[in-house]
């Protein structure tokens, strides 16, 4: 598996999960509980991992979000 996203921003995490679900790309969301235990210091970020073979398509989705956000 490859890391696609690492953040503590709940909006980014929710949006990425939704896009991956819509695209039919499986993912693993990690470090949720560890991040919550650390509180608001942001030391441990949550991660979204995808299978190696899905990484290119998932990265394309992530890139399309970043590009559309900049307009």
Foldseek 3Di string as FASTA:
>chain_A
DAWQDWAAPPVVVVVLVVVCVVVVFDKDKDDPVVQVVVPPPGPHTIIIGGDPVCNVVSNVVVVVVVVVVVD
